[in-house]
Amino acid sequence: MKLHLAFVGVATLLVGSALYAQSGKQPDQEFRRLAQSHSNADEHQKLAAHYTAHAIEHENDAKVHEELANQYEKSEPKLTGESRHYAAHSREAAEALRALAKIHQELAKEHGAKK
């Protein structure tokens, strides 16, 4: 029963986080277009929002897999190590995405100052 409640909590976190993160994400085709052109402040802001939203997804994924690892310690110990390993990679990806977002925010300011 406790394991079931934990999975329900994890699912709720995933759905809420995904909805929030989607607000800044660009469709793949638009993202690629912006990533290739990024010629003005507005495009850099859109890219920063995209990377921030993607970072949020990875941060939430890391949280979910840490929670699962805690549950796996009690129910399926063999899954614990790889779940934590995946969580660590998700945190690392989120950090890189936040760094990209920060750079695009700085570039947006630079482009805005040139006007």
PDB file of N, CA and C in Angstrom:
ATOM      1  N   MET A   1       0.828  -1.194   0.000  1.00  0.00           N
ATOM      2  CA  MET A   1       0.000   0.000   0.000  1.00  0.00           C
ATOM      3  C   MET A   1       0.868   1.253   0.000  1.00  0.00           C
ATOM      4  N   LYS A   2       1.938   1.249   0.832  1.00  0.00           N
ATOM      5  CA  LYS A   2       2.821   2.410   0.876  1.00  0.00           C
ATOM      6  C   LYS A   2       3.485   2.629  -0.479  1.00  0.00           C
ATOM      7  N   LEU A   3       3.891   1.538  -1.119  1.00  0.00           N
ATOM      8  CA  LEU A   3       4.529   1.644  -2.419  1.00  0.00           C
ATOM      9  C   LEU A   3       3.550   2.218  -3.438  1.00  0.00           C
ATOM     10  N   HIS A   4       2.301   1.781  -3.377  1.00  0.00           N
ATOM     11  CA  HIS A   4       1.269   2.292  -4.283  1.00  0.00           C
ATOM     12  C   HIS A   4       1.081   3.793  -4.076  1.00  0.00           C
ATOM     13  N   LEU A   5       1.013   4.241  -2.851  1.00  0.00           N
ATOM     14  CA  LEU A   5       0.847   5.669  -2.574  1.00  0.00           C
ATOM     15  C   LEU A   5       2.057   6.465  -3.062  1.00  0.00           C
ATOM     16  N   ALA A   6       3.225   5.902  -2.928  1.00  0.00           N
ATOM     17  CA  ALA A   6       4.433   6.583  -3.411  1.00  0.00           C
ATOM     18  C   ALA A   6       4.373   6.763  -4.924  1.00  0.00           C
ATOM     19  N   PHE A   7       3.929   5.734  -5.635  1.00  0.00           N
ATOM     20  CA  PHE A   7       3.834   5.840  -7.092  1.00  0.00           C
ATOM     21  C   PHE A   7       2.767   6.844  -7.504  1.00  0.00           C
ATOM     22  N   VAL A   8       1.672   6.916  -6.772  1.00  0.00           N
ATOM     23  CA  VAL A   8       0.632   7.915  -7.054  1.00  0.00           C
ATOM     24  C   VAL A   8       1.202   9.320  -6.851  1.00  0.00           C
ATOM     25  N   GLY A   9       1.963   9.511  -5.786  1.00  0.00           N
ATOM     26  CA  GLY A   9       2.594  10.809  -5.531  1.00  0.00           C
ATOM     27  C   GLY A   9       3.575  11.181  -6.624  1.00  0.00           C
ATOM     28  N   VAL A  10       4.350  10.220  -7.076  1.00  0.00           N
ATOM     29  CA  VAL A  10       5.322  10.454  -8.140  1.00  0.00           C
ATOM     30  C   VAL A  10       4.585  10.815  -9.434  1.00  0.00           C
ATOM     31  N   ALA A  11       3.524  10.114  -9.743  1.00  0.00           N
ATOM     32  CA  ALA A  11       2.757  10.395 -10.960  1.00  0.00           C
ATOM     33  C   ALA A  11       2.157  11.798 -10.917  1.00  0.00           C
ATOM     34  N   THR A  12       1.647  12.198  -9.761  1.00  0.00           N
ATOM     35  CA  THR A  12       1.085  13.532  -9.611  1.00  0.00           C
ATOM     36  C   THR A  12       2.153  14.596  -9.833  1.00  0.00           C
ATOM     37  N   LEU A  13       3.325  14.392  -9.279  1.00  0.00           N
ATOM     38  CA  LEU A  13       4.441  15.322  -9.462  1.00  0.00           C
ATOM     39  C   LEU A  13       4.820  15.420 -10.935  1.00  0.00           C
ATOM     40  N   LEU A  14       4.877  14.304 -11.613  1.00  0.00           N
ATOM     41  CA  LEU A  14       5.248  14.299 -13.024  1.00  0.00           C
ATOM     42  C   LEU A  14       4.258  15.066 -13.884  1.00  0.00           C
ATOM     43  N   VAL A  15       2.987  14.824 -13.682  1.00  0.00           N
ATOM     44  CA  VAL A  15       1.962  15.487 -14.491  1.00  0.00           C
ATOM     45  C   VAL A  15       1.982  16.993 -14.256  1.00  0.00           C
ATOM     46  N   GLY A  16       2.010  17.411 -13.013  1.00  0.00           N
ATOM     47  CA  GLY A  16       2.037  18.842 -12.705  1.00  0.00           C
ATOM     48  C   GLY A  16       3.276  19.521 -13.237  1.00  0.00           C
ATOM     49  N   SER A  17       4.401  18.882 -13.088  1.00  0.00           N
ATOM     50  CA  SER A  17       5.667  19.450 -13.558  1.00  0.00           C
ATOM     51  C   SER A  17       5.703  19.526 -15.072  1.00  0.00           C
ATOM     52  N   ALA A  18       5.192  18.510 -15.726  1.00  0.00           N
ATOM     53  CA  ALA A  18       5.192  18.503 -17.186  1.00  0.00           C
ATOM     54  C   ALA A  18       4.332  19.635 -17.730  1.00  0.00           C
ATOM     55  N   LEU A  19       3.182  19.856 -17.124  1.00  0.00           N
ATOM     56  CA  LEU A  19       2.320  20.947 -17.570  1.00  0.00           C
ATOM     57  C   LEU A  19       2.998  22.297 -17.383  1.00  0.00           C
ATOM     58  N   TYR A  20       3.670  22.483 -16.254  1.00  0.00           N
ATOM     59  CA  TYR A  20       4.367  23.734 -15.999  1.00  0.00           C
ATOM     60  C   TYR A  20       5.521  23.922 -16.976  1.00  0.00           C
ATOM     61  N   ALA A  21       6.292  22.901 -17.190  1.00  0.00           N
ATOM     62  CA  ALA A  21       7.470  22.998 -18.048  1.00  0.00           C
ATOM     63  C   ALA A  21       7.088  23.247 -19.504  1.00  0.00           C
ATOM     64  N   GLN A  22       5.961  22.710 -19.931  1.00  0.00           N
ATOM     65  CA  GLN A  22       5.544  22.873 -21.317  1.00  0.00           C
ATOM     66  C   GLN A  22       5.300  24.333 -21.691  1.00  0.00           C
ATOM     67  N   SER A  23       5.040  25.175 -20.710  1.00  0.00           N
ATOM     68  CA  SER A  23       4.700  26.570 -21.008  1.00  0.00           C
ATOM     69  C   SER A  23       5.832  27.298 -21.718  1.00  0.00           C
ATOM     70  N   GLY A  24       7.083  26.930 -21.510  1.00  0.00           N
ATOM     71  CA  GLY A  24       8.192  27.621 -22.146  1.00  0.00           C
ATOM     72  C   GLY A  24       8.833  26.845 -23.282  1.00  0.00           C
ATOM     73  N   LYS A  25       8.456  25.600 -23.437  1.00  0.00           N
ATOM     74  CA  LYS A  25       9.087  24.786 -24.468  1.00  0.00           C
ATOM     75  C   LYS A  25       8.528  25.124 -25.845  1.00  0.00           C
ATOM     76  N   GLN A  26       9.419  25.105 -26.799  1.00  0.00           N
ATOM     77  CA  GLN A  26       9.061  25.338 -28.193  1.00  0.00           C
ATOM     78  C   GLN A  26       8.890  23.988 -28.888  1.00  0.00           C
ATOM     79  N   PRO A  27       8.007  23.923 -29.869  1.00  0.00           N
ATOM     80  CA  PRO A  27       7.953  22.695 -30.684  1.00  0.00           C
ATOM     81  C   PRO A  27       9.317  22.475 -31.331  1.00  0.00           C
ATOM     82  N   ASP A  28       9.661  21.228 -31.619  1.00  0.00           N
ATOM     83  CA  ASP A  28      10.986  20.901 -32.147  1.00  0.00           C
ATOM     84  C   ASP A  28      11.383  21.738 -33.355  1.00  0.00           C
ATOM     85  N   GLN A  29      10.481  21.873 -34.308  1.00  0.00           N
ATOM     86  CA  GLN A  29      10.802  22.623 -35.520  1.00  0.00           C
ATOM     87  C   GLN A  29      11.084  24.094 -35.198  1.00  0.00           C
ATOM     88  N   GLU A  30      10.284  24.689 -34.332  1.00  0.00           N
ATOM     89  CA  GLU A  30      10.491  26.086 -33.939  1.00  0.00           C
ATOM     90  C   GLU A  30      11.784  26.225 -33.138  1.00  0.00           C
ATOM     91  N   PHE A  31      12.050  25.281 -32.265  1.00  0.00           N
ATOM     92  CA  PHE A  31      13.292  25.312 -31.486  1.00  0.00           C
ATOM     93  C   PHE A  31      14.500  25.291 -32.420  1.00  0.00           C
ATOM     94  N   ARG A  32      14.477  24.402 -33.394  1.00  0.00           N
ATOM     95  CA  ARG A  32      15.603  24.314 -34.333  1.00  0.00           C
ATOM     96  C   ARG A  32      15.773  25.612 -35.115  1.00  0.00           C
ATOM     97  N   ARG A  33      14.669  26.204 -35.546  1.00  0.00           N
ATOM     98  CA  ARG A  33      14.729  27.460 -36.276  1.00  0.00           C
ATOM     99  C   ARG A  33      15.354  28.550 -35.404  1.00  0.00           C
ATOM    100  N   LEU A  34      14.867  28.658 -34.159  1.00  0.00           N
ATOM    101  CA  LEU A  34      15.400  29.673 -33.246  1.00  0.00           C
ATOM    102  C   LEU A  34      16.874  29.422 -32.934  1.00  0.00           C
ATOM    103  N   ALA A  35      17.227  28.169 -32.741  1.00  0.00           N
ATOM    104  CA  ALA A  35      18.611  27.827 -32.401  1.00  0.00           C
ATOM    105  C   ALA A  35      19.568  28.168 -33.540  1.00  0.00           C
ATOM    106  N   GLN A  36      19.081  28.110 -34.752  1.00  0.00           N
ATOM    107  CA  GLN A  36      19.933  28.427 -35.897  1.00  0.00           C
ATOM    108  C   GLN A  36      20.018  29.926 -36.155  1.00  0.00           C
ATOM    109  N   SER A  37      18.939  30.652 -35.900  1.00  0.00           N
ATOM    110  CA  SER A  37      18.945  32.082 -36.230  1.00  0.00           C
ATOM    111  C   SER A  37      19.316  32.950 -35.033  1.00  0.00           C
ATOM    112  N   HIS A  38      18.612  32.830 -33.948  1.00  0.00           N
ATOM    113  CA  HIS A  38      18.767  33.627 -32.718  1.00  0.00           C
ATOM    114  C   HIS A  38      19.394  34.989 -32.990  1.00  0.00           C
ATOM    115  N   SER A  39      18.712  35.766 -33.826  1.00  0.00           N
ATOM    116  CA  SER A  39      19.280  37.027 -34.288  1.00  0.00           C
ATOM    117  C   SER A  39      18.818  38.255 -33.505  1.00  0.00           C
ATOM    118  N   ASN A  40      17.914  38.063 -32.552  1.00  0.00           N
ATOM    119  CA  ASN A  40      17.437  39.217 -31.791  1.00  0.00           C
ATOM    120  C   ASN A  40      17.127  38.819 -30.347  1.00  0.00           C
ATOM    121  N   ALA A  41      16.846  39.825 -29.551  1.00  0.00           N
ATOM    122  CA  ALA A  41      16.602  39.606 -28.118  1.00  0.00           C
ATOM    123  C   ALA A  41      15.416  38.675 -27.881  1.00  0.00           C
ATOM    124  N   ASP A  42      14.351  38.850 -28.657  1.00  0.00           N
ATOM    125  CA  ASP A  42      13.152  38.029 -28.475  1.00  0.00           C
ATOM    126  C   ASP A  42      13.455  36.552 -28.710  1.00  0.00           C
ATOM    127  N   GLU A  43      14.229  36.259 -29.724  1.00  0.00           N
ATOM    128  CA  GLU A  43      14.566  34.861 -30.005  1.00  0.00           C
ATOM    129  C   GLU A  43      15.434  34.270 -28.898  1.00  0.00           C
ATOM    130  N   HIS A  44      16.355  35.068 -28.379  1.00  0.00           N
ATOM    131  CA  HIS A  44      17.179  34.581 -27.262  1.00  0.00           C
ATOM    132  C   HIS A  44      16.322  34.344 -26.018  1.00  0.00           C
ATOM    133  N   GLN A  45      15.331  35.195 -25.785  1.00  0.00           N
ATOM    134  CA  GLN A  45      14.435  34.997 -24.631  1.00  0.00           C
ATOM    135  C   GLN A  45      13.623  33.714 -24.796  1.00  0.00           C
ATOM    136  N   LYS A  46      13.161  33.455 -26.006  1.00  0.00           N
ATOM    137  CA  LYS A  46      12.413  32.220 -26.265  1.00  0.00           C
ATOM    138  C   LYS A  46      13.291  30.988 -26.047  1.00  0.00           C
ATOM    139  N   LEU A  47      14.542  31.085 -26.482  1.00  0.00           N
ATOM    140  CA  LEU A  47      15.461  29.965 -26.273  1.00  0.00           C
ATOM    141  C   LEU A  47      15.762  29.780 -24.789  1.00  0.00           C
ATOM    142  N   ALA A  48      15.931  30.877 -24.066  1.00  0.00           N
ATOM    143  CA  ALA A  48      16.160  30.784 -22.621  1.00  0.00           C
ATOM    144  C   ALA A  48      14.978  30.118 -21.935  1.00  0.00           C
ATOM    145  N   ALA A  49      13.768  30.497 -22.331  1.00  0.00           N
ATOM    146  CA  ALA A  49      12.559  29.887 -21.744  1.00  0.00           C
ATOM    147  C   ALA A  49      12.481  28.405 -22.086  1.00  0.00           C
ATOM    148  N   HIS A  50      12.848  28.063 -23.299  1.00  0.00           N
ATOM    149  CA  HIS A  50      12.835  26.659 -23.726  1.00  0.00           C
ATOM    150  C   HIS A  50      13.799  25.839 -22.876  1.00  0.00           C
ATOM    151  N   TYR A  51      15.028  26.337 -22.741  1.00  0.00           N
ATOM    152  CA  TYR A  51      16.026  25.611 -21.959  1.00  0.00           C
ATOM    153  C   TYR A  51      15.639  25.529 -20.483  1.00  0.00           C
ATOM    154  N   THR A  52      15.040  26.576 -19.956  1.00  0.00           N
ATOM    155  CA  THR A  52      14.586  26.556 -18.556  1.00  0.00           C
ATOM    156  C   THR A  52      13.501  25.503 -18.363  1.00  0.00           C
ATOM    157  N   ALA A  53      12.544  25.475 -19.287  1.00  0.00           N
ATOM    158  CA  ALA A  53      11.468  24.482 -19.196  1.00  0.00           C
ATOM    159  C   ALA A  53      12.027  23.064 -19.288  1.00  0.00           C
ATOM    160  N   HIS A  54      12.990  22.878 -20.168  1.00  0.00           N
ATOM    161  CA  HIS A  54      13.601  21.554 -20.324  1.00  0.00           C
ATOM    162  C   HIS A  54      14.383  21.181 -19.063  1.00  0.00           C
ATOM    163  N   ALA A  55      15.034  22.158 -18.450  1.00  0.00           N
ATOM    164  CA  ALA A  55      15.762  21.911 -17.197  1.00  0.00           C
ATOM    165  C   ALA A  55      14.794  21.474 -16.098  1.00  0.00           C
ATOM    166  N   ILE A  56      13.650  22.116 -16.033  1.00  0.00           N
ATOM    167  CA  ILE A  56      12.634  21.758 -15.033  1.00  0.00           C
ATOM    168  C   ILE A  56      12.216  20.304 -15.209  1.00  0.00           C
ATOM    169  N   GLU A  57      12.036  19.890 -16.448  1.00  0.00           N
ATOM    170  CA  GLU A  57      11.674  18.493 -16.706  1.00  0.00           C
ATOM    171  C   GLU A  57      12.751  17.543 -16.160  1.00  0.00           C
ATOM    172  N   HIS A  58      13.997  17.870 -16.421  1.00  0.00           N
ATOM    173  CA  HIS A  58      15.087  17.011 -15.941  1.00  0.00           C
ATOM    174  C   HIS A  58      15.182  17.026 -14.412  1.00  0.00           C
ATOM    175  N   GLU A  59      14.996  18.192 -13.800  1.00  0.00           N
ATOM    176  CA  GLU A  59      15.024  18.270 -12.337  1.00  0.00           C
ATOM    177  C   GLU A  59      13.912  17.427 -11.725  1.00  0.00           C
ATOM    178  N   ASN A  60      12.740  17.488 -12.324  1.00  0.00           N
ATOM    179  CA  ASN A  60      11.628  16.692 -11.820  1.00  0.00           C
ATOM    180  C   ASN A  60      11.866  15.204 -12.035  1.00  0.00           C
ATOM    181  N   ASP A  61      12.450  14.866 -13.162  1.00  0.00           N
ATOM    182  CA  ASP A  61      12.780  13.471 -13.432  1.00  0.00           C
ATOM    183  C   ASP A  61      13.772  12.954 -12.392  1.00  0.00           C
ATOM    184  N   ALA A  62      14.741  13.789 -12.032  1.00  0.00           N
ATOM    185  CA  ALA A  62      15.722  13.403 -11.005  1.00  0.00           C
ATOM    186  C   ALA A  62      15.024  13.159  -9.668  1.00  0.00           C
ATOM    187  N   LYS A  63      14.106  14.043  -9.296  1.00  0.00           N
ATOM    188  CA  LYS A  63      13.372  13.878  -8.032  1.00  0.00           C
ATOM    189  C   LYS A  63      12.583  12.582  -8.030  1.00  0.00           C
ATOM    190  N   VAL A  64      11.919  12.321  -9.131  1.00  0.00           N
ATOM    191  CA  VAL A  64      11.106  11.107  -9.235  1.00  0.00           C
ATOM    192  C   VAL A  64      11.981   9.867  -9.068  1.00  0.00           C
ATOM    193  N   HIS A  65      13.121   9.849  -9.725  1.00  0.00           N
ATOM    194  CA  HIS A  65      13.966   8.659  -9.659  1.00  0.00           C
ATOM    195  C   HIS A  65      14.668   8.513  -8.314  1.00  0.00           C
ATOM    196  N   GLU A  66      14.905   9.618  -7.628  1.00  0.00           N
ATOM    197  CA  GLU A  66      15.421   9.519  -6.248  1.00  0.00           C
ATOM    198  C   GLU A  66      14.345   8.918  -5.340  1.00  0.00           C
ATOM    199  N   GLU A  67      13.108   9.373  -5.517  1.00  0.00           N
ATOM    200  CA  GLU A  67      12.007   8.817  -4.720  1.00  0.00           C
ATOM    201  C   GLU A  67      11.819   7.338  -5.014  1.00  0.00           C
ATOM    202  N   LEU A  68      11.896   6.991  -6.288  1.00  0.00           N
ATOM    203  CA  LEU A  68      11.771   5.579  -6.656  1.00  0.00           C
ATOM    204  C   LEU A  68      12.907   4.764  -6.055  1.00  0.00           C
ATOM    205  N   ALA A  69      14.110   5.305  -6.084  1.00  0.00           N
ATOM    206  CA  ALA A  69      15.254   4.593  -5.495  1.00  0.00           C
ATOM    207  C   ALA A  69      15.018   4.333  -4.015  1.00  0.00           C
ATOM    208  N   ASN A  70      14.453   5.307  -3.318  1.00  0.00           N
ATOM    209  CA  ASN A  70      14.145   5.114  -1.892  1.00  0.00           C
ATOM    210  C   ASN A  70      13.138   3.990  -1.700  1.00  0.00           C
ATOM    211  N   GLN A  71      12.163   3.916  -2.591  1.00  0.00           N
ATOM    212  CA  GLN A  71      11.185   2.833  -2.505  1.00  0.00           C
ATOM    213  C   GLN A  71      11.811   1.491  -2.894  1.00  0.00           C
ATOM    214  N   TYR A  72      12.648   1.535  -3.923  1.00  0.00           N
ATOM    215  CA  TYR A  72      13.293   0.302  -4.378  1.00  0.00           C
ATOM    216  C   TYR A  72      14.191  -0.293  -3.303  1.00  0.00           C
ATOM    217  N   GLU A  73      14.781   0.535  -2.456  1.00  0.00           N
ATOM    218  CA  GLU A  73      15.607   0.014  -1.364  1.00  0.00           C
ATOM    219  C   GLU A  73      14.815  -0.971  -0.520  1.00  0.00           C
ATOM    220  N   LYS A  74      13.518  -0.738  -0.396  1.00  0.00           N
ATOM    221  CA  LYS A  74      12.650  -1.577   0.438  1.00  0.00           C
ATOM    222  C   LYS A  74      12.029  -2.737  -0.341  1.00  0.00           C
ATOM    223  N   SER A  75      11.787  -2.506  -1.650  1.00  0.00           N
ATOM    224  CA  SER A  75      11.037  -3.518  -2.392  1.00  0.00           C
ATOM    225  C   SER A  75      11.859  -4.266  -3.442  1.00  0.00           C
ATOM    226  N   GLU A  76      12.726  -3.570  -4.170  1.00  0.00           N
ATOM    227  CA  GLU A  76      13.538  -4.167  -5.236  1.00  0.00           C
ATOM    228  C   GLU A  76      14.944  -3.573  -5.198  1.00  0.00           C
ATOM    229  N   PRO A  77      15.760  -3.970  -4.238  1.00  0.00           N
ATOM    230  CA  PRO A  77      17.083  -3.364  -4.055  1.00  0.00           C
ATOM    231  C   PRO A  77      17.965  -3.348  -5.308  1.00  0.00           C
ATOM    232  N   LYS A  78      17.778  -4.297  -6.212  1.00  0.00           N
ATOM    233  CA  LYS A  78      18.606  -4.335  -7.418  1.00  0.00           C
ATOM    234  C   LYS A  78      18.386  -3.110  -8.308  1.00  0.00           C
ATOM    235  N   LEU A  79      17.244  -2.466  -8.176  1.00  0.00           N
ATOM    236  CA  LEU A  79      16.929  -1.305  -9.015  1.00  0.00           C
ATOM    237  C   LEU A  79      17.448   0.013  -8.433  1.00  0.00           C
ATOM    238  N   THR A  80      17.849  -0.001  -7.191  1.00  0.00           N
ATOM    239  CA  THR A  80      18.215   1.229  -6.479  1.00  0.00           C
ATOM    240  C   THR A  80      19.385   1.959  -7.139  1.00  0.00           C
ATOM    241  N   GLY A  81      20.456   1.257  -7.410  1.00  0.00           N
ATOM    242  CA  GLY A  81      21.669   1.888  -7.929  1.00  0.00           C
ATOM    243  C   GLY A  81      21.457   2.575  -9.268  1.00  0.00           C
ATOM    244  N   GLU A  82      20.811   1.886 -10.193  1.00  0.00           N
ATOM    245  CA  GLU A  82      20.602   2.480 -11.518  1.00  0.00           C
ATOM    246  C   GLU A  82      19.587   3.620 -11.472  1.00  0.00           C
ATOM    247  N   SER A  83      18.629   3.538 -10.574  1.00  0.00           N
ATOM    248  CA  SER A  83      17.680   4.639 -10.423  1.00  0.00           C
ATOM    249  C   SER A  83      18.395   5.895  -9.928  1.00  0.00           C
ATOM    250  N   ARG A  84      19.283   5.730  -8.973  1.00  0.00           N
ATOM    251  CA  ARG A  84      20.070   6.876  -8.480  1.00  0.00           C
ATOM    252  C   ARG A  84      21.035   7.382  -9.557  1.00  0.00           C
ATOM    253  N   HIS A  85      21.593   6.462 -10.317  1.00  0.00           N
ATOM    254  CA  HIS A  85      22.494   6.822 -11.409  1.00  0.00           C
ATOM    255  C   HIS A  85      21.749   7.695 -12.420  1.00  0.00           C
ATOM    256  N   TYR A  86      20.562   7.283 -12.802  1.00  0.00           N
ATOM    257  CA  TYR A  86      19.746   8.054 -13.745  1.00  0.00           C
ATOM    258  C   TYR A  86      19.392   9.420 -13.155  1.00  0.00           C
ATOM    259  N   ALA A  87      19.052   9.466 -11.888  1.00  0.00           N
ATOM    260  CA  ALA A  87      18.730  10.736 -11.228  1.00  0.00           C
ATOM    261  C   ALA A  87      19.922  11.688 -11.285  1.00  0.00           C
ATOM    262  N   ALA A  88      21.114  11.162 -11.078  1.00  0.00           N
ATOM    263  CA  ALA A  88      22.313  12.000 -11.131  1.00  0.00           C
ATOM    264  C   ALA A  88      22.519  12.572 -12.525  1.00  0.00           C
ATOM    265  N   HIS A  89      22.312  11.765 -13.545  1.00  0.00           N
ATOM    266  CA  HIS A  89      22.447  12.261 -14.918  1.00  0.00           C
ATOM    267  C   HIS A  89      21.375  13.306 -15.229  1.00  0.00           C
ATOM    268  N   SER A  90      20.184  13.113 -14.722  1.00  0.00           N
ATOM    269  CA  SER A  90      19.111  14.092 -14.936  1.00  0.00           C
ATOM    270  C   SER A  90      19.469  15.426 -14.293  1.00  0.00           C
ATOM    271  N   ARG A  91      20.045  15.387 -13.096  1.00  0.00           N
ATOM    272  CA  ARG A  91      20.471  16.630 -12.433  1.00  0.00           C
ATOM    273  C   ARG A  91      21.581  17.311 -13.230  1.00  0.00           C
ATOM    274  N   GLU A  92      22.511  16.527 -13.743  1.00  0.00           N
ATOM    275  CA  GLU A  92      23.603  17.087 -14.540  1.00  0.00           C
ATOM    276  C   GLU A  92      23.067  17.736 -15.820  1.00  0.00           C
ATOM    277  N   ALA A  93      22.124  17.075 -16.481  1.00  0.00           N
ATOM    278  CA  ALA A  93      21.518  17.646 -17.688  1.00  0.00           C
ATOM    279  C   ALA A  93      20.781  18.947 -17.357  1.00  0.00           C
ATOM    280  N   ALA A  94      20.072  18.961 -16.252  1.00  0.00           N
ATOM    281  CA  ALA A  94      19.346  20.166 -15.845  1.00  0.00           C
ATOM    282  C   ALA A  94      20.308  21.321 -15.611  1.00  0.00           C
ATOM    283  N   GLU A  95      21.439  21.031 -15.010  1.00  0.00           N
ATOM    284  CA  GLU A  95      22.444  22.067 -14.757  1.00  0.00           C
ATOM    285  C   GLU A  95      22.966  22.654 -16.075  1.00  0.00           C
ATOM    286  N   ALA A  96      23.244  21.796 -17.043  1.00  0.00           N
ATOM    287  CA  ALA A  96      23.727  22.264 -18.347  1.00  0.00           C
ATOM    288  C   ALA A  96      22.648  23.092 -19.051  1.00  0.00           C
ATOM    289  N   LEU A  97      21.406  22.652 -18.956  1.00  0.00           N
ATOM    290  CA  LEU A  97      20.312  23.392 -19.589  1.00  0.00           C
ATOM    291  C   LEU A  97      20.113  24.755 -18.937  1.00  0.00           C
ATOM    292  N   ARG A  98      20.255  24.825 -17.627  1.00  0.00           N
ATOM    293  CA  ARG A  98      20.149  26.121 -16.934  1.00  0.00           C
ATOM    294  C   ARG A  98      21.290  27.046 -17.363  1.00  0.00           C
ATOM    295  N   ALA A  99      22.472  26.482 -17.584  1.00  0.00           N
ATOM    296  CA  ALA A  99      23.607  27.290 -18.046  1.00  0.00           C
ATOM    297  C   ALA A  99      23.328  27.839 -19.445  1.00  0.00           C
ATOM    298  N   LEU A 100      22.770  27.020 -20.318  1.00  0.00           N
ATOM    299  CA  LEU A 100      22.396  27.495 -21.650  1.00  0.00           C
ATOM    300  C   LEU A 100      21.345  28.604 -21.565  1.00  0.00           C
ATOM    301  N   ALA A 101      20.374  28.425 -20.699  1.00  0.00           N
ATOM    302  CA  ALA A 101      19.331  29.441 -20.523  1.00  0.00           C
ATOM    303  C   ALA A 101      19.946  30.757 -20.067  1.00  0.00           C
ATOM    304  N   LYS A 102      20.882  30.681 -19.144  1.00  0.00           N
ATOM    305  CA  LYS A 102      21.528  31.893 -18.626  1.00  0.00           C
ATOM    306  C   LYS A 102      22.292  32.617 -19.733  1.00  0.00           C
ATOM    307  N   ILE A 103      22.989  31.865 -20.552  1.00  0.00           N
ATOM    308  CA  ILE A 103      23.734  32.478 -21.662  1.00  0.00           C
ATOM    309  C   ILE A 103      22.772  33.181 -22.617  1.00  0.00           C
ATOM    310  N   HIS A 104      21.657  32.525 -22.932  1.00  0.00           N
ATOM    311  CA  HIS A 104      20.682  33.151 -23.837  1.00  0.00           C
ATOM    312  C   HIS A 104      20.056  34.397 -23.205  1.00  0.00           C
ATOM    313  N   GLN A 105      19.855  34.385 -21.902  1.00  0.00           N
ATOM    314  CA  GLN A 105      19.350  35.593 -21.239  1.00  0.00           C
ATOM    315  C   GLN A 105      20.353  36.729 -21.357  1.00  0.00           C
ATOM    316  N   GLU A 106      21.625  36.421 -21.173  1.00  0.00           N
ATOM    317  CA  GLU A 106      22.670  37.443 -21.305  1.00  0.00           C
ATOM    318  C   GLU A 106      22.738  37.961 -22.746  1.00  0.00           C
ATOM    319  N   LEU A 107      22.624  37.056 -23.729  1.00  0.00           N
ATOM    320  CA  LEU A 107      22.654  37.470 -25.112  1.00  0.00           C
ATOM    321  C   LEU A 107      21.433  38.326 -25.464  1.00  0.00           C
ATOM    322  N   ALA A 108      20.301  38.004 -24.869  1.00  0.00           N
ATOM    323  CA  ALA A 108      19.096  38.813 -25.109  1.00  0.00           C
ATOM    324  C   ALA A 108      19.316  40.240 -24.609  1.00  0.00           C
ATOM    325  N   LYS A 109      19.956  40.374 -23.460  1.00  0.00           N
ATOM    326  CA  LYS A 109      20.266  41.717 -22.928  1.00  0.00           C
ATOM    327  C   LYS A 109      21.216  42.456 -23.866  1.00  0.00           C
ATOM    328  N   GLU A 110      22.223  41.746 -24.354  1.00  0.00           N
ATOM    329  CA  GLU A 110      23.169  42.368 -25.282  1.00  0.00           C
ATOM    330  C   GLU A 110      22.477  42.840 -26.555  1.00  0.00           C
ATOM    331  N   HIS A 111      21.596  42.002 -27.110  1.00  0.00           N
ATOM    332  CA  HIS A 111      20.873  42.376 -28.323  1.00  0.00           C
ATOM    333  C   HIS A 111      19.922  43.534 -28.041  1.00  0.00           C
ATOM    334  N   GLY A 112      19.328  43.546 -26.850  1.00  0.00           N
ATOM    335  CA  GLY A 112      18.427  44.619 -26.478  1.00  0.00           C
ATOM    336  C   GLY A 112      19.167  45.944 -26.327  1.00  0.00           C
ATOM    337  N   ALA A 113      20.407  45.888 -25.853  1.00  0.00           N
ATOM    338  CA  ALA A 113      21.199  47.095 -25.672  1.00  0.00           C
ATOM    339  C   ALA A 113      21.665  47.697 -26.989  1.00  0.00           C
ATOM    340  N   LYS A 114      21.734  46.864 -28.033  1.00  0.00           N
ATOM    341  CA  LYS A 114      22.198  47.339 -29.348  1.00  0.00           C
ATOM    342  C   LYS A 114      21.144  48.165 -30.067  1.00  0.00           C
ATOM    343  N   LYS A 115      19.906  48.063 -29.633  1.00  0.00           N
ATOM    344  CA  LYS A 115      18.813  48.770 -30.313  1.00  0.00           C
ATOM    345  C   LYS A 115      18.926  50.255 -30.176  1.00  0.00           C
TER     346      LYS A 115
END
